[in-house]
Protein backbone atom coordinates (compact mmCIF):
# COMPACT_ATOMS: atom_id res chain seq x y z
CA MET A 1 -2.03 -12.33 19.92
CA HIS A 2 -6.03 -12.04 18.77
CA LEU A 3 -6.47 -9.87 15.04
CA ARG A 4 -8.53 -7.51 17.35
CA ALA A 5 -5.69 -6.57 19.62
CA CYS A 6 -3.26 -6.34 16.56
CA PHE A 7 -5.67 -4.02 14.93
CA GLY A 8 -6.33 -2.08 17.81
CA LEU A 9 -2.64 -1.51 18.48
CA LEU A 10 -1.76 -0.43 15.70
CA ALA A 11 -4.89 1.80 15.79
CA LEU A 12 -3.30 3.52 18.86
CA ALA A 13 -0.26 3.77 17.57
CA ALA A 14 -0.96 5.48 14.67
CA ALA A 15 -3.18 7.93 16.55
CA GLY A 16 -0.70 8.27 19.31
CA LEU A 17 2.03 9.21 16.67
CA THR A 18 -0.20 11.73 15.26
CA LEU A 19 -1.07 13.61 18.47
CA ALA A 20 2.77 13.11 19.29
CA GLY A 21 3.99 14.97 16.42
CA TRP A 22 1.33 17.54 16.86
CA TRP A 23 2.36 18.26 20.46
CA LEU A 24 6.10 17.93 19.35
CA GLY A 25 5.35 20.62 16.95
CA GLU A 26 3.23 22.98 19.32
CA SER A 27 5.58 22.69 22.26
CA LEU A 28 9.18 23.15 20.34
CA ARG A 29 7.13 25.42 17.57
CA LEU A 30 8.08 23.71 14.72
CA GLN A 31 6.85 24.60 11.49
CA PRO A 32 5.32 21.50 9.58
CA CYS A 33 5.79 21.36 5.58
CA PRO A 34 3.17 20.14 3.51
CA LEU A 35 5.05 16.78 3.50
CA CYS A 36 5.05 16.69 7.18
CA ILE A 37 1.06 17.31 7.42
CA PHE A 38 0.50 14.85 4.56
CA GLN A 39 1.93 12.15 6.95
CA ARG A 40 -0.20 13.14 9.74
CA LEU A 41 -3.23 12.73 7.77
CA LEU A 42 -1.57 9.17 6.56
CA TYR A 43 -1.02 7.87 10.23
CA LEU A 44 -4.56 8.98 10.67
CA VAL A 45 -5.83 7.11 7.78
CA ILE A 46 -4.11 4.02 8.97
CA ALA A 47 -5.60 4.63 12.56
CA ALA A 48 -8.95 4.35 10.70
CA ILE A 49 -8.45 1.68 8.75
CA ALA A 50 -7.06 -0.57 11.83
CA LEU A 51 -9.96 0.63 13.73
CA ALA A 52 -12.41 -1.07 10.88
CA GLY A 53 -10.02 -4.00 11.83
CA ALA A 54 -10.42 -4.22 15.01
CA LEU A 55 -14.11 -3.89 14.80
CA ALA A 56 -14.28 -6.51 11.74
CA PRO A 57 -11.42 -8.87 12.01
CA VAL A 58 -13.37 -11.40 9.66
CA TRP A 59 -12.13 -9.09 6.83
CA ARG A 60 -8.22 -9.10 8.36
CA ARG A 61 -6.67 -9.63 4.83
CA LEU A 62 -8.56 -6.39 3.04
CA TRP A 63 -7.78 -4.22 6.16
CA GLY A 64 -4.19 -5.66 6.73
CA GLY A 65 -3.87 -4.62 2.63
CA ILE A 66 -5.20 -1.56 2.68
CA LEU A 67 -3.20 -0.53 6.06
CA ALA A 68 0.08 -1.91 4.02
CA LEU A 69 -0.92 0.48 0.89
CA GLY A 70 -1.32 3.34 3.31
CA ALA A 71 1.79 2.65 5.12
CA GLY A 72 3.80 2.49 1.91
CA GLY A 73 2.47 5.75 0.66
CA GLY A 74 3.43 7.32 3.99
CA LEU A 75 6.90 5.46 3.77
CA THR A 76 7.45 6.99 -0.17
CA THR A 77 6.37 10.39 1.18
CA ALA A 78 8.48 10.58 4.33
CA VAL A 79 12.00 8.68 2.03
CA TYR A 80 11.03 11.64 -0.52
CA GLN A 81 11.43 14.12 2.48
CA SER A 82 14.26 12.77 4.03
CA TRP A 83 15.89 13.15 0.54
CA LEU A 84 14.81 16.85 0.43
CA GLN A 85 16.61 17.16 3.84
CA PHE A 86 20.28 14.99 2.53
CA PHE A 87 20.32 17.05 -0.38
CA PRO A 88 18.17 20.27 -0.28
CA GLU A 89 20.64 22.12 -3.05
CA ALA A 90 19.44 19.01 -5.63
CA SER A 91 16.13 19.43 -4.95
CA LEU A 92 13.55 21.69 -5.69
CA GLU A 93 11.31 22.90 -2.58
CA CYS A 94 7.73 22.19 -2.22
CA GLY A 95 5.66 25.00 -1.75
CA PHE A 96 6.87 26.78 -4.79
CA GLY A 97 5.08 26.93 -8.46
CA GLU A 98 1.65 25.07 -8.99
CA PRO A 99 0.44 23.22 -5.93
CA THR A 100 0.85 19.45 -6.16
CA LEU A 101 -1.93 17.42 -5.38
CA ILE A 102 -0.78 16.50 -1.65
CA GLU A 103 -0.46 20.49 -1.26
CA ARG A 104 -3.68 20.66 -2.01
CA ILE A 105 -5.14 18.35 0.40
CA VAL A 106 -2.99 19.68 3.02
CA ASP A 107 -4.21 23.02 2.36
CA TRP A 108 -7.81 21.64 2.22
CA PHE A 109 -7.42 20.33 5.69
CA GLY A 110 -5.12 23.42 7.23
CA VAL A 111 -8.13 25.84 5.84
CA ARG A 112 -10.57 23.27 8.21
CA TRP A 113 -8.34 22.51 11.22
CA PRO A 114 -5.17 25.34 11.13
CA SER A 115 -3.79 24.10 14.75
CA MET A 116 -3.49 20.34 13.47
CA PHE A 117 -2.92 20.55 9.61
CA LEU A 118 -1.59 24.28 8.77
CA ALA A 119 1.53 23.99 6.41
CA THR A 120 3.66 26.59 7.54
CA GLY A 121 7.37 25.33 7.11
CA PHE A 122 9.81 24.10 4.39
CA CYS A 123 10.27 20.67 3.40
CA SER A 124 13.94 20.59 2.86
CA SER A 125 14.68 22.07 6.66
CA LYS A 126 15.16 19.54 9.58
CA GLU A 127 14.00 21.44 12.55
CA TRP A 128 14.02 18.44 14.91
CA VAL A 129 16.48 15.98 14.86
CA PHE A 130 16.82 13.24 17.66
CA LEU A 131 19.62 10.50 17.83
CA GLY A 132 21.12 11.89 14.31
CA LEU A 133 17.48 11.34 12.72
CA SER A 134 15.44 14.00 11.68
CA MET A 135 11.27 13.75 12.20
CA ALA A 136 11.08 12.36 8.63
CA ASN A 137 13.59 9.85 9.03
CA TRP A 138 11.66 8.86 11.89
CA SER A 139 8.65 8.50 9.74
CA ALA A 140 10.12 6.47 7.30
CA LEU A 141 11.03 3.94 9.92
CA LEU A 142 7.60 3.87 11.67
CA PHE A 143 5.65 3.57 8.13
CA LEU A 144 8.21 0.81 7.41
CA ALA A 145 6.82 -0.91 10.45
CA PHE A 146 2.91 -0.32 9.51
CA LEU A 147 3.56 -1.42 6.41
CA LEU A 148 5.37 -4.62 7.83
CA ALA A 149 2.51 -5.07 10.18
CA GLY A 150 -0.18 -4.72 7.71
CA LEU A 151 1.12 -7.09 5.08
CA TRP A 152 1.59 -9.85 8.07
CA LEU A 153 -1.91 -9.25 9.28
CA ALA A 154 -3.34 -9.70 5.48
CA LEU A 155 -0.65 -12.78 4.70
CA ARG A 156 -0.84 -14.81 7.89
CA SER A 157 -3.12 -17.93 7.60
CA SER A 158 -6.20 -17.86 9.16
CA ALA A 159 -5.77 -21.10 11.23
CA SER A 160 -3.70 -18.63 13.40
CA ALA A 161 -5.90 -15.64 13.31
CA PRO A 162 -8.29 -15.71 15.83
CA GLY A 163 -10.73 -13.11 15.83
């Protein structure tokens, strides 16, 4: 598969996941938490990086590496939120006390585009479960897939990487 197509598919997937998460939240009246919204932002960052990779595949190692880093951040966030959901009694709820950097970023975006980025929920609540996994659990699996794809694109040999 051509590099442009690989990056293009990743961009479409990340943008599609962002829109699917937003639509699911709106249609089911879910209350997204700061970590949910931060993951939504990271999906958009991954989409932008993948789009850059599709437009300039000659720098595939750079785009693949940055994509993997963004996906690693998303994976870490989703795993942390999953931990909060599995062990709510052992964790401090996000949203209390001094706002973290993530909460400040989410608040900034929430003020500018509330229907897409306003965080109103609690990080430990599981409002939506599908096949026994919460949205955070699914997000962790998806970020892992993006991480592996980014690493694959960054590390594959240039002989097998036509533009």
